[in-house]
Amino acid sequence: MILNSFTVAFLLAGLFFFVSGSIALLRFPSSLSRLHALTKADNLGLGLIALGVLFQTYSLLQAVQILLIWGLVTFSGAAGAFFIARKHYKDIIK
């Protein structure tokens, strides 16, 4: 019962950050501020959701897989944001 409560709490917190990142994507004026807000909120939201799901795993292998997925998504999101920001910066300099 306690583990289910932790799971629900972390999933709701993750959902809050996903929703706030989506709202920031729609509301912020410049593309760089949108990119910054979206990547930060999505990484934190996914981390909280992964932490919530960890309470429901029954083996160490499942927990490692969840953490590996979270790490790969975080890395790919940061790399994608970097390349988008670099392209935006190069377009401004031209």
N, C-alpha and C. Protein backbone atom coordinates (compact mmCIF):
# COMPACT_ATOMS: atom_id res chain seq x y z
N MET A 1 0.82 -1.20 0.00
CA MET A 1 0.00 0.00 0.00
C MET A 1 0.87 1.26 0.00
N ILE A 2 1.93 1.26 0.79
CA ILE A 2 2.80 2.43 0.86
C ILE A 2 3.55 2.62 -0.46
N LEU A 3 4.01 1.50 -1.06
CA LEU A 3 4.70 1.61 -2.34
C LEU A 3 3.79 2.14 -3.43
N ASN A 4 2.53 1.73 -3.41
CA ASN A 4 1.57 2.26 -4.38
C ASN A 4 1.36 3.76 -4.18
N SER A 5 1.37 4.22 -2.96
CA SER A 5 1.22 5.65 -2.69
C SER A 5 2.42 6.44 -3.22
N PHE A 6 3.62 5.90 -3.02
CA PHE A 6 4.81 6.55 -3.57
C PHE A 6 4.77 6.57 -5.09
N THR A 7 4.34 5.47 -5.68
CA THR A 7 4.24 5.40 -7.14
C THR A 7 3.30 6.46 -7.68
N VAL A 8 2.13 6.56 -7.09
CA VAL A 8 1.14 7.55 -7.54
C VAL A 8 1.67 8.96 -7.35
N ALA A 9 2.32 9.22 -6.23
CA ALA A 9 2.85 10.57 -5.96
C ALA A 9 3.92 10.95 -6.99
N PHE A 10 4.84 10.05 -7.28
CA PHE A 10 5.89 10.37 -8.25
C PHE A 10 5.34 10.46 -9.67
N LEU A 11 4.36 9.63 -10.01
CA LEU A 11 3.76 9.72 -11.34
C LEU A 11 3.01 11.04 -11.52
N LEU A 12 2.30 11.48 -10.50
CA LEU A 12 1.60 12.76 -10.59
C LEU A 12 2.57 13.94 -10.66
N ALA A 13 3.67 13.85 -9.92
CA ALA A 13 4.68 14.91 -9.99
C ALA A 13 5.32 14.95 -11.39
N GLY A 14 5.60 13.78 -11.96
CA GLY A 14 6.14 13.72 -13.31
C GLY A 14 5.17 14.27 -14.33
N LEU A 15 3.89 13.94 -14.17
CA LEU A 15 2.86 14.47 -15.06
C LEU A 15 2.78 15.99 -14.97
N PHE A 16 2.91 16.52 -13.75
CA PHE A 16 2.90 17.97 -13.57
C PHE A 16 4.03 18.63 -14.38
N PHE A 17 5.24 18.06 -14.33
CA PHE A 17 6.35 18.66 -15.07
C PHE A 17 6.19 18.50 -16.58
N PHE A 18 5.61 17.39 -17.03
CA PHE A 18 5.34 17.24 -18.46
C PHE A 18 4.33 18.28 -18.94
N VAL A 19 3.29 18.49 -18.17
CA VAL A 19 2.26 19.47 -18.55
C VAL A 19 2.83 20.88 -18.51
N SER A 20 3.60 21.20 -17.47
CA SER A 20 4.17 22.54 -17.39
C SER A 20 5.18 22.79 -18.51
N GLY A 21 5.92 21.78 -18.91
CA GLY A 21 6.83 21.93 -20.05
C GLY A 21 6.09 22.14 -21.35
N SER A 22 4.96 21.46 -21.51
CA SER A 22 4.15 21.65 -22.72
C SER A 22 3.52 23.03 -22.76
N ILE A 23 3.09 23.52 -21.62
CA ILE A 23 2.54 24.88 -21.56
C ILE A 23 3.63 25.90 -21.86
N ALA A 24 4.83 25.67 -21.33
CA ALA A 24 5.95 26.58 -21.61
C ALA A 24 6.29 26.58 -23.09
N LEU A 25 6.19 25.43 -23.74
CA LEU A 25 6.45 25.35 -25.17
C LEU A 25 5.50 26.24 -25.95
N LEU A 26 4.27 26.32 -25.50
CA LEU A 26 3.27 27.13 -26.19
C LEU A 26 3.33 28.61 -25.82
N ARG A 27 3.80 28.93 -24.62
CA ARG A 27 3.68 30.30 -24.11
C ARG A 27 4.95 31.14 -24.25
N PHE A 28 6.13 30.54 -24.19
CA PHE A 28 7.36 31.34 -24.20
C PHE A 28 7.59 31.96 -25.58
N PRO A 29 8.20 33.16 -25.60
CA PRO A 29 8.28 33.91 -26.85
C PRO A 29 9.37 33.42 -27.82
N SER A 30 10.55 33.09 -27.33
CA SER A 30 11.64 32.75 -28.26
C SER A 30 11.86 31.24 -28.30
N SER A 31 12.46 30.81 -29.37
CA SER A 31 12.67 29.37 -29.54
C SER A 31 13.68 28.82 -28.53
N LEU A 32 14.68 29.61 -28.16
CA LEU A 32 15.66 29.13 -27.19
C LEU A 32 15.07 28.99 -25.79
N SER A 33 14.21 29.92 -25.39
CA SER A 33 13.57 29.78 -24.08
C SER A 33 12.59 28.62 -24.08
N ARG A 34 11.91 28.39 -25.19
CA ARG A 34 11.03 27.23 -25.30
C ARG A 34 11.82 25.94 -25.20
N LEU A 35 12.93 25.90 -25.88
CA LEU A 35 13.79 24.71 -25.88
C LEU A 35 14.33 24.43 -24.49
N HIS A 36 14.76 25.46 -23.80
CA HIS A 36 15.31 25.30 -22.46
C HIS A 36 14.25 24.78 -21.49
N ALA A 37 13.08 25.40 -21.51
CA ALA A 37 12.02 25.00 -20.58
C ALA A 37 11.54 23.58 -20.87
N LEU A 38 11.41 23.26 -22.14
CA LEU A 38 10.89 21.95 -22.50
C LEU A 38 11.86 20.84 -22.13
N THR A 39 13.14 21.01 -22.39
CA THR A 39 14.10 19.95 -22.07
C THR A 39 14.24 19.77 -20.57
N LYS A 40 14.26 20.85 -19.82
CA LYS A 40 14.38 20.71 -18.36
C LYS A 40 13.16 20.04 -17.77
N ALA A 41 11.99 20.48 -18.18
CA ALA A 41 10.76 19.91 -17.62
C ALA A 41 10.59 18.45 -18.03
N ASP A 42 10.91 18.12 -19.27
CA ASP A 42 10.76 16.74 -19.72
C ASP A 42 11.74 15.81 -19.03
N ASN A 43 12.99 16.25 -18.85
CA ASN A 43 13.96 15.40 -18.16
C ASN A 43 13.57 15.16 -16.72
N LEU A 44 13.11 16.18 -16.03
CA LEU A 44 12.69 16.01 -14.64
C LEU A 44 11.41 15.18 -14.56
N GLY A 45 10.48 15.43 -15.47
CA GLY A 45 9.23 14.66 -15.48
C GLY A 45 9.48 13.18 -15.73
N LEU A 46 10.34 12.87 -16.69
CA LEU A 46 10.64 11.48 -16.96
C LEU A 46 11.39 10.84 -15.81
N GLY A 47 12.27 11.59 -15.16
CA GLY A 47 12.99 11.06 -14.00
C GLY A 47 12.04 10.72 -12.86
N LEU A 48 11.07 11.57 -12.62
CA LEU A 48 10.09 11.30 -11.56
C LEU A 48 9.20 10.11 -11.91
N ILE A 49 8.83 10.00 -13.17
CA ILE A 49 8.02 8.86 -13.59
C ILE A 49 8.83 7.57 -13.49
N ALA A 50 10.09 7.61 -13.89
CA ALA A 50 10.94 6.43 -13.76
C ALA A 50 11.11 6.04 -12.29
N LEU A 51 11.26 7.01 -11.43
CA LEU A 51 11.37 6.73 -10.00
C LEU A 51 10.08 6.12 -9.46
N GLY A 52 8.96 6.61 -9.92
CA GLY A 52 7.68 6.04 -9.50
C GLY A 52 7.50 4.61 -9.97
N VAL A 53 7.94 4.33 -11.18
CA VAL A 53 7.82 2.97 -11.71
C VAL A 53 8.79 2.02 -11.02
N LEU A 54 9.91 2.55 -10.56
CA LEU A 54 10.88 1.70 -9.85
C LEU A 54 10.28 1.03 -8.62
N PHE A 55 9.32 1.67 -7.98
CA PHE A 55 8.68 1.09 -6.81
C PHE A 55 7.84 -0.14 -7.16
N GLN A 56 7.51 -0.30 -8.43
CA GLN A 56 6.68 -1.42 -8.85
C GLN A 56 7.47 -2.56 -9.49
N THR A 57 8.78 -2.44 -9.57
CA THR A 57 9.59 -3.50 -10.17
C THR A 57 9.86 -4.60 -9.16
N TYR A 58 10.06 -5.80 -9.68
CA TYR A 58 10.28 -6.95 -8.82
C TYR A 58 11.69 -7.53 -8.96
N SER A 59 12.45 -7.03 -9.92
CA SER A 59 13.80 -7.56 -10.09
C SER A 59 14.77 -6.41 -10.33
N LEU A 60 16.02 -6.70 -10.07
CA LEU A 60 17.07 -5.71 -10.29
C LEU A 60 17.24 -5.40 -11.77
N LEU A 61 17.03 -6.41 -12.61
CA LEU A 61 17.17 -6.21 -14.06
C LEU A 61 16.15 -5.19 -14.58
N GLN A 62 14.92 -5.29 -14.11
CA GLN A 62 13.90 -4.32 -14.52
C GLN A 62 14.26 -2.92 -14.07
N ALA A 63 14.77 -2.79 -12.86
CA ALA A 63 15.15 -1.47 -12.34
C ALA A 63 16.30 -0.89 -13.16
N VAL A 64 17.28 -1.70 -13.51
CA VAL A 64 18.41 -1.23 -14.31
C VAL A 64 17.94 -0.83 -15.70
N GLN A 65 17.01 -1.57 -16.27
CA GLN A 65 16.48 -1.23 -17.59
C GLN A 65 15.75 0.11 -17.56
N ILE A 66 14.97 0.34 -16.54
CA ILE A 66 14.24 1.61 -16.42
C ILE A 66 15.23 2.77 -16.28
N LEU A 67 16.23 2.60 -15.45
CA LEU A 67 17.24 3.66 -15.28
C LEU A 67 18.05 3.88 -16.55
N LEU A 68 18.33 2.81 -17.28
CA LEU A 68 19.05 2.95 -18.54
C LEU A 68 18.22 3.70 -19.58
N ILE A 69 16.95 3.38 -19.65
CA ILE A 69 16.06 4.10 -20.57
C ILE A 69 15.99 5.57 -20.21
N TRP A 70 15.86 5.86 -18.92
CA TRP A 70 15.82 7.26 -18.48
C TRP A 70 17.12 7.98 -18.84
N GLY A 71 18.25 7.35 -18.63
CA GLY A 71 19.53 7.96 -18.97
C GLY A 71 19.69 8.21 -20.46
N LEU A 72 19.28 7.25 -21.27
CA LEU A 72 19.39 7.42 -22.73
C LEU A 72 18.47 8.52 -23.25
N VAL A 73 17.26 8.59 -22.73
CA VAL A 73 16.33 9.64 -23.16
C VAL A 73 16.84 11.01 -22.71
N THR A 74 17.40 11.09 -21.51
CA THR A 74 17.95 12.34 -21.02
C THR A 74 19.12 12.79 -21.88
N PHE A 75 20.01 11.86 -22.21
CA PHE A 75 21.16 12.19 -23.05
C PHE A 75 20.71 12.61 -24.45
N SER A 76 19.79 11.89 -25.04
CA SER A 76 19.35 12.23 -26.39
C SER A 76 18.60 13.57 -26.41
N GLY A 77 17.84 13.86 -25.35
CA GLY A 77 17.15 15.15 -25.28
C GLY A 77 18.14 16.31 -25.17
N ALA A 78 19.17 16.12 -24.36
CA ALA A 78 20.19 17.16 -24.22
C ALA A 78 20.97 17.34 -25.52
N ALA A 79 21.31 16.24 -26.18
CA ALA A 79 22.05 16.34 -27.44
C ALA A 79 21.19 17.00 -28.52
N GLY A 80 19.92 16.62 -28.59
CA GLY A 80 19.03 17.25 -29.57
C GLY A 80 18.86 18.73 -29.32
N ALA A 81 18.72 19.11 -28.05
CA ALA A 81 18.59 20.53 -27.72
C ALA A 81 19.85 21.29 -28.07
N PHE A 82 21.01 20.67 -27.85
CA PHE A 82 22.27 21.31 -28.19
C PHE A 82 22.36 21.57 -29.69
N PHE A 83 22.01 20.58 -30.50
CA PHE A 83 22.12 20.74 -31.95
C PHE A 83 21.11 21.76 -32.49
N ILE A 84 19.92 21.78 -31.93
CA ILE A 84 18.92 22.77 -32.34
C ILE A 84 19.39 24.17 -31.96
N ALA A 85 19.92 24.34 -30.75
CA ALA A 85 20.42 25.65 -30.32
C ALA A 85 21.61 26.10 -31.14
N ARG A 86 22.50 25.17 -31.49
CA ARG A 86 23.66 25.54 -32.31
C ARG A 86 23.23 25.98 -33.70
N LYS A 87 22.26 25.29 -34.29
CA LYS A 87 21.74 25.67 -35.60
C LYS A 87 21.09 27.05 -35.51
N HIS A 88 20.34 27.30 -34.46
CA HIS A 88 19.70 28.60 -34.27
C HIS A 88 20.76 29.70 -34.14
N TYR A 89 21.81 29.43 -33.38
CA TYR A 89 22.89 30.40 -33.19
C TYR A 89 23.61 30.68 -34.50
N LYS A 90 23.87 29.66 -35.30
CA LYS A 90 24.54 29.86 -36.59
C LYS A 90 23.68 30.65 -37.55
N ASP A 91 22.37 30.44 -37.49
CA ASP A 91 21.47 31.21 -38.36
C ASP A 91 21.44 32.69 -37.96
N ILE A 92 21.60 32.99 -36.69
CA ILE A 92 21.60 34.37 -36.23
C ILE A 92 22.88 35.09 -36.68
N ILE A 93 24.00 34.38 -36.63
CA ILE A 93 25.29 35.00 -36.97
C ILE A 93 25.38 35.32 -38.46
N LYS A 94 24.77 34.55 -39.30
CA LYS A 94 24.86 34.78 -40.76
C LYS A 94 24.34 36.09 -41.18
